[in-house]
Amino acid sequence: MMEFTPIRPIERLWDTAETQTAQSVNDPAGSMFANIFRQAIQNVRDTNAEQVNLEYQLATGQIDNPALLTTAISKATTAAELLMQMRNQALDAYNELMRISL
């Protein structure tokens, strides 16, 4: 006689704040996949904010070194490209999984 283990249901990636708080108490690891994307999105926001701030400071004469702005622009561009590549890879993996016939 064969014994079958039940399949866990699919969990949502993004929940409301209440659900996330309750989940983090019960499951400290949380959804690693969702956390990686949240961190990447936050990184894009942070680097973009830094770029905008340095653009303002350069335009108003508050900084003397324009290389700081160039570096911030490169960081923001790289962060956005990384997020897009992560999204593309996740979509490719999802599409591959959808093509699998059982």
N, C-alpha and C. Protein backbone atom coordinates (compact mmCIF):
# COMPACT_ATOMS: atom_id res chain seq x y z
N MET A 1 0.84 -1.17 0.00
CA MET A 1 0.00 0.00 0.00
C MET A 1 0.89 1.24 0.00
N MET A 2 0.58 2.20 -0.89
CA MET A 2 1.39 3.42 -1.00
C MET A 2 0.81 4.50 -0.11
N GLU A 3 1.70 5.26 0.48
CA GLU A 3 1.27 6.36 1.34
C GLU A 3 1.55 7.67 0.62
N PHE A 4 0.58 8.55 0.59
CA PHE A 4 0.72 9.84 -0.08
C PHE A 4 0.80 10.96 0.94
N THR A 5 1.72 11.88 0.69
CA THR A 5 1.79 13.06 1.56
C THR A 5 1.02 14.18 0.88
N PRO A 6 0.26 14.94 1.63
CA PRO A 6 -0.52 16.01 1.02
C PRO A 6 0.38 17.13 0.51
N ILE A 7 -0.08 17.80 -0.53
CA ILE A 7 0.65 18.93 -1.11
C ILE A 7 0.21 20.19 -0.37
N ARG A 8 1.20 21.00 0.01
CA ARG A 8 0.88 22.26 0.69
C ARG A 8 0.22 23.22 -0.29
N PRO A 9 -0.74 24.00 0.17
CA PRO A 9 -1.38 24.96 -0.74
C PRO A 9 -0.41 26.08 -1.12
N ILE A 10 -0.66 26.70 -2.26
CA ILE A 10 0.17 27.81 -2.72
C ILE A 10 -0.11 29.02 -1.83
N GLU A 11 0.96 29.67 -1.38
CA GLU A 11 0.81 30.83 -0.51
C GLU A 11 0.92 32.11 -1.33
N ARG A 12 0.25 33.14 -0.88
CA ARG A 12 0.32 34.44 -1.54
C ARG A 12 1.67 35.07 -1.30
N LEU A 13 2.19 35.82 -2.29
CA LEU A 13 3.47 36.49 -2.13
C LEU A 13 3.34 37.74 -1.27
N TRP A 14 2.33 38.56 -1.55
CA TRP A 14 2.14 39.79 -0.81
C TRP A 14 0.82 39.73 -0.08
N ASP A 15 0.91 39.90 1.23
CA ASP A 15 -0.28 39.91 2.07
C ASP A 15 -0.44 41.30 2.68
N THR A 16 -1.53 41.47 3.37
CA THR A 16 -1.73 42.72 4.08
C THR A 16 -0.72 42.79 5.23
N ALA A 17 -0.55 43.96 5.81
CA ALA A 17 0.41 44.15 6.89
C ALA A 17 0.07 43.27 8.09
N GLU A 18 -1.23 43.11 8.39
CA GLU A 18 -1.64 42.29 9.52
C GLU A 18 -1.24 40.84 9.31
N THR A 19 -1.48 40.34 8.11
CA THR A 19 -1.14 38.95 7.81
C THR A 19 0.36 38.74 7.86
N GLN A 20 1.13 39.72 7.35
CA GLN A 20 2.59 39.59 7.36
C GLN A 20 3.12 39.55 8.78
N THR A 21 2.55 40.38 9.66
CA THR A 21 2.99 40.39 11.05
C THR A 21 2.68 39.06 11.70
N ALA A 22 1.48 38.55 11.48
CA ALA A 22 1.11 37.27 12.05
C ALA A 22 1.96 36.15 11.48
N GLN A 23 2.26 36.23 10.18
CA GLN A 23 3.07 35.20 9.53
C GLN A 23 4.49 35.22 10.05
N SER A 24 5.05 36.41 10.26
CA SER A 24 6.44 36.50 10.71
C SER A 24 6.59 35.94 12.11
N VAL A 25 5.53 36.02 12.91
CA VAL A 25 5.59 35.43 14.25
C VAL A 25 5.56 33.92 14.14
N ASN A 26 4.69 33.38 13.28
CA ASN A 26 4.56 31.94 13.13
C ASN A 26 5.68 31.34 12.30
N ASP A 27 6.10 32.02 11.26
CA ASP A 27 7.11 31.52 10.34
C ASP A 27 8.19 32.59 10.17
N PRO A 28 9.25 32.57 10.99
CA PRO A 28 10.24 33.64 10.95
C PRO A 28 10.94 33.75 9.61
N ALA A 29 11.05 32.66 8.87
CA ALA A 29 11.72 32.73 7.57
C ALA A 29 10.85 33.47 6.56
N GLY A 30 9.53 33.38 6.70
CA GLY A 30 8.62 34.04 5.75
C GLY A 30 8.80 33.46 4.37
N SER A 31 8.37 34.17 3.39
CA SER A 31 8.54 33.75 2.02
C SER A 31 9.83 34.38 1.49
N MET A 32 10.85 33.59 1.36
CA MET A 32 12.15 34.10 0.93
C MET A 32 12.06 34.73 -0.46
N PHE A 33 11.29 34.13 -1.33
CA PHE A 33 11.12 34.65 -2.68
C PHE A 33 10.54 36.06 -2.65
N ALA A 34 9.49 36.26 -1.88
CA ALA A 34 8.86 37.58 -1.78
C ALA A 34 9.80 38.57 -1.12
N ASN A 35 10.53 38.14 -0.11
CA ASN A 35 11.46 39.03 0.58
C ASN A 35 12.57 39.52 -0.35
N ILE A 36 13.05 38.66 -1.20
CA ILE A 36 14.11 39.06 -2.14
C ILE A 36 13.58 40.14 -3.08
N PHE A 37 12.36 39.96 -3.58
CA PHE A 37 11.80 40.97 -4.46
C PHE A 37 11.50 42.27 -3.73
N ARG A 38 11.03 42.17 -2.50
CA ARG A 38 10.78 43.39 -1.71
C ARG A 38 12.08 44.16 -1.50
N GLN A 39 13.15 43.45 -1.19
CA GLN A 39 14.44 44.11 -0.98
C GLN A 39 14.94 44.75 -2.27
N ALA A 40 14.75 44.08 -3.39
CA ALA A 40 15.18 44.64 -4.68
C ALA A 40 14.38 45.89 -5.01
N ILE A 41 13.08 45.86 -4.76
CA ILE A 41 12.25 47.03 -5.01
C ILE A 41 12.66 48.18 -4.10
N GLN A 42 12.90 47.88 -2.83
CA GLN A 42 13.33 48.92 -1.89
C GLN A 42 14.68 49.48 -2.29
N ASN A 43 15.57 48.64 -2.80
CA ASN A 43 16.88 49.10 -3.27
C ASN A 43 16.73 50.08 -4.43
N VAL A 44 15.81 49.79 -5.34
CA VAL A 44 15.56 50.70 -6.47
C VAL A 44 15.03 52.03 -5.94
N ARG A 45 14.11 51.98 -5.00
CA ARG A 45 13.56 53.22 -4.42
C ARG A 45 14.65 54.03 -3.73
N ASP A 46 15.48 53.35 -2.93
CA ASP A 46 16.53 54.05 -2.19
C ASP A 46 17.56 54.69 -3.12
N THR A 47 18.02 53.94 -4.11
CA THR A 47 19.04 54.48 -5.01
C THR A 47 18.47 55.60 -5.86
N ASN A 48 17.19 55.50 -6.23
CA ASN A 48 16.56 56.57 -6.99
C ASN A 48 16.43 57.84 -6.13
N ALA A 49 16.05 57.68 -4.87
CA ALA A 49 15.94 58.83 -3.97
C ALA A 49 17.30 59.50 -3.77
N GLU A 50 18.35 58.68 -3.64
CA GLU A 50 19.70 59.23 -3.50
C GLU A 50 20.09 60.01 -4.75
N GLN A 51 19.76 59.47 -5.91
CA GLN A 51 20.07 60.15 -7.17
C GLN A 51 19.35 61.49 -7.26
N VAL A 52 18.07 61.50 -6.95
CA VAL A 52 17.29 62.74 -7.01
C VAL A 52 17.84 63.78 -6.03
N ASN A 53 18.20 63.33 -4.84
CA ASN A 53 18.76 64.23 -3.84
C ASN A 53 20.08 64.84 -4.32
N LEU A 54 20.95 64.02 -4.89
CA LEU A 54 22.24 64.53 -5.38
C LEU A 54 22.05 65.44 -6.60
N GLU A 55 21.06 65.14 -7.44
CA GLU A 55 20.78 66.04 -8.56
C GLU A 55 20.36 67.41 -8.05
N TYR A 56 19.51 67.42 -7.02
CA TYR A 56 19.08 68.68 -6.43
C TYR A 56 20.26 69.43 -5.81
N GLN A 57 21.10 68.69 -5.07
CA GLN A 57 22.25 69.33 -4.43
C GLN A 57 23.23 69.89 -5.45
N LEU A 58 23.44 69.19 -6.55
CA LEU A 58 24.33 69.69 -7.59
C LEU A 58 23.73 70.92 -8.27
N ALA A 59 22.42 70.89 -8.52
CA ALA A 59 21.76 72.01 -9.18
C ALA A 59 21.76 73.26 -8.30
N THR A 60 21.72 73.07 -6.99
CA THR A 60 21.70 74.22 -6.08
C THR A 60 23.09 74.60 -5.59
N GLY A 61 24.12 73.90 -6.05
CA GLY A 61 25.49 74.23 -5.68
C GLY A 61 25.91 73.76 -4.30
N GLN A 62 25.21 72.77 -3.76
CA GLN A 62 25.53 72.28 -2.42
C GLN A 62 26.65 71.24 -2.42
N ILE A 63 26.92 70.63 -3.58
CA ILE A 63 28.06 69.69 -3.67
C ILE A 63 29.00 70.18 -4.76
N ASP A 64 30.27 69.90 -4.55
CA ASP A 64 31.29 70.35 -5.49
C ASP A 64 31.73 69.25 -6.46
N ASN A 65 31.50 68.01 -6.09
CA ASN A 65 32.02 66.88 -6.86
C ASN A 65 30.90 66.25 -7.70
N PRO A 66 30.86 66.51 -8.99
CA PRO A 66 29.81 65.91 -9.83
C PRO A 66 29.97 64.39 -9.99
N ALA A 67 31.12 63.86 -9.61
CA ALA A 67 31.31 62.40 -9.70
C ALA A 67 30.38 61.68 -8.73
N LEU A 68 29.98 62.31 -7.64
CA LEU A 68 29.03 61.69 -6.72
C LEU A 68 27.69 61.44 -7.42
N LEU A 69 27.27 62.39 -8.23
CA LEU A 69 26.02 62.23 -8.97
C LEU A 69 26.15 61.13 -10.01
N THR A 70 27.27 61.10 -10.70
CA THR A 70 27.50 60.06 -11.71
C THR A 70 27.44 58.67 -11.08
N THR A 71 28.06 58.54 -9.92
CA THR A 71 28.03 57.25 -9.21
C THR A 71 26.61 56.90 -8.78
N ALA A 72 25.87 57.87 -8.28
CA ALA A 72 24.49 57.62 -7.86
C ALA A 72 23.61 57.22 -9.04
N ILE A 73 23.83 57.85 -10.19
CA ILE A 73 23.06 57.49 -11.40
C ILE A 73 23.38 56.05 -11.80
N SER A 74 24.65 55.68 -11.74
CA SER A 74 25.05 54.30 -12.09
C SER A 74 24.43 53.30 -11.14
N LYS A 75 24.42 53.63 -9.84
CA LYS A 75 23.81 52.73 -8.85
C LYS A 75 22.32 52.56 -9.12
N ALA A 76 21.64 53.67 -9.37
CA ALA A 76 20.19 53.60 -9.61
C ALA A 76 19.88 52.82 -10.88
N THR A 77 20.66 53.03 -11.91
CA THR A 77 20.45 52.31 -13.17
C THR A 77 20.70 50.82 -12.99
N THR A 78 21.77 50.48 -12.30
CA THR A 78 22.10 49.07 -12.06
C THR A 78 21.03 48.39 -11.21
N ALA A 79 20.54 49.08 -10.18
CA ALA A 79 19.50 48.51 -9.32
C ALA A 79 18.22 48.25 -10.13
N ALA A 80 17.84 49.20 -10.99
CA ALA A 80 16.63 49.03 -11.80
C ALA A 80 16.81 47.88 -12.80
N GLU A 81 17.98 47.80 -13.42
CA GLU A 81 18.23 46.71 -14.37
C GLU A 81 18.23 45.35 -13.68
N LEU A 82 18.79 45.29 -12.47
CA LEU A 82 18.79 44.04 -11.72
C LEU A 82 17.36 43.61 -11.40
N LEU A 83 16.53 44.55 -10.98
CA LEU A 83 15.14 44.23 -10.67
C LEU A 83 14.41 43.72 -11.91
N MET A 84 14.65 44.36 -13.05
CA MET A 84 14.00 43.92 -14.28
C MET A 84 14.47 42.53 -14.69
N GLN A 85 15.75 42.24 -14.54
CA GLN A 85 16.26 40.91 -14.87
C GLN A 85 15.69 39.85 -13.93
N MET A 86 15.58 40.20 -12.64
CA MET A 86 14.97 39.27 -11.69
C MET A 86 13.52 38.97 -12.07
N ARG A 87 12.79 40.03 -12.45
CA ARG A 87 11.40 39.85 -12.87
C ARG A 87 11.33 38.97 -14.11
N ASN A 88 12.19 39.24 -15.09
CA ASN A 88 12.18 38.46 -16.32
C ASN A 88 12.50 36.99 -16.05
N GLN A 89 13.48 36.73 -15.19
CA GLN A 89 13.83 35.35 -14.87
C GLN A 89 12.70 34.65 -14.13
N ALA A 90 12.03 35.38 -13.23
CA ALA A 90 10.91 34.78 -12.49
C ALA A 90 9.77 34.45 -13.46
N LEU A 91 9.48 35.35 -14.40
CA LEU A 91 8.43 35.08 -15.38
C LEU A 91 8.80 33.92 -16.29
N ASP A 92 10.06 33.84 -16.69
CA ASP A 92 10.50 32.70 -17.51
C ASP A 92 10.34 31.39 -16.76
N ALA A 93 10.71 31.39 -15.48
CA ALA A 93 10.57 30.17 -14.68
C ALA A 93 9.09 29.81 -14.53
N TYR A 94 8.25 30.80 -14.30
CA TYR A 94 6.81 30.56 -14.18
C TYR A 94 6.26 29.96 -15.48
N ASN A 95 6.65 30.54 -16.60
CA ASN A 95 6.17 30.03 -17.89
C ASN A 95 6.64 28.61 -18.14
N GLU A 96 7.86 28.31 -17.75
CA GLU A 96 8.35 26.93 -17.88
C GLU A 96 7.55 25.97 -17.04
N LEU A 97 7.23 26.39 -15.82
CA LEU A 97 6.42 25.53 -14.95
C LEU A 97 5.01 25.32 -15.51
N MET A 98 4.48 26.35 -16.15
CA MET A 98 3.13 26.23 -16.72
C MET A 98 3.12 25.29 -17.92
N ARG A 99 4.25 25.16 -18.61
CA ARG A 99 4.33 24.28 -19.79
C ARG A 99 4.47 22.80 -19.41
N ILE A 100 4.82 22.54 -18.17
CA ILE A 100 5.00 21.14 -17.75
C ILE A 100 3.64 20.48 -17.71
N SER A 101 3.55 19.34 -18.38
CA SER A 101 2.28 18.59 -18.35
C SER A 101 2.44 17.43 -17.36
N LEU A 102 1.45 17.29 -16.58
CA LEU A 102 1.49 16.22 -15.58
C LEU A 102 0.69 15.03 -16.01
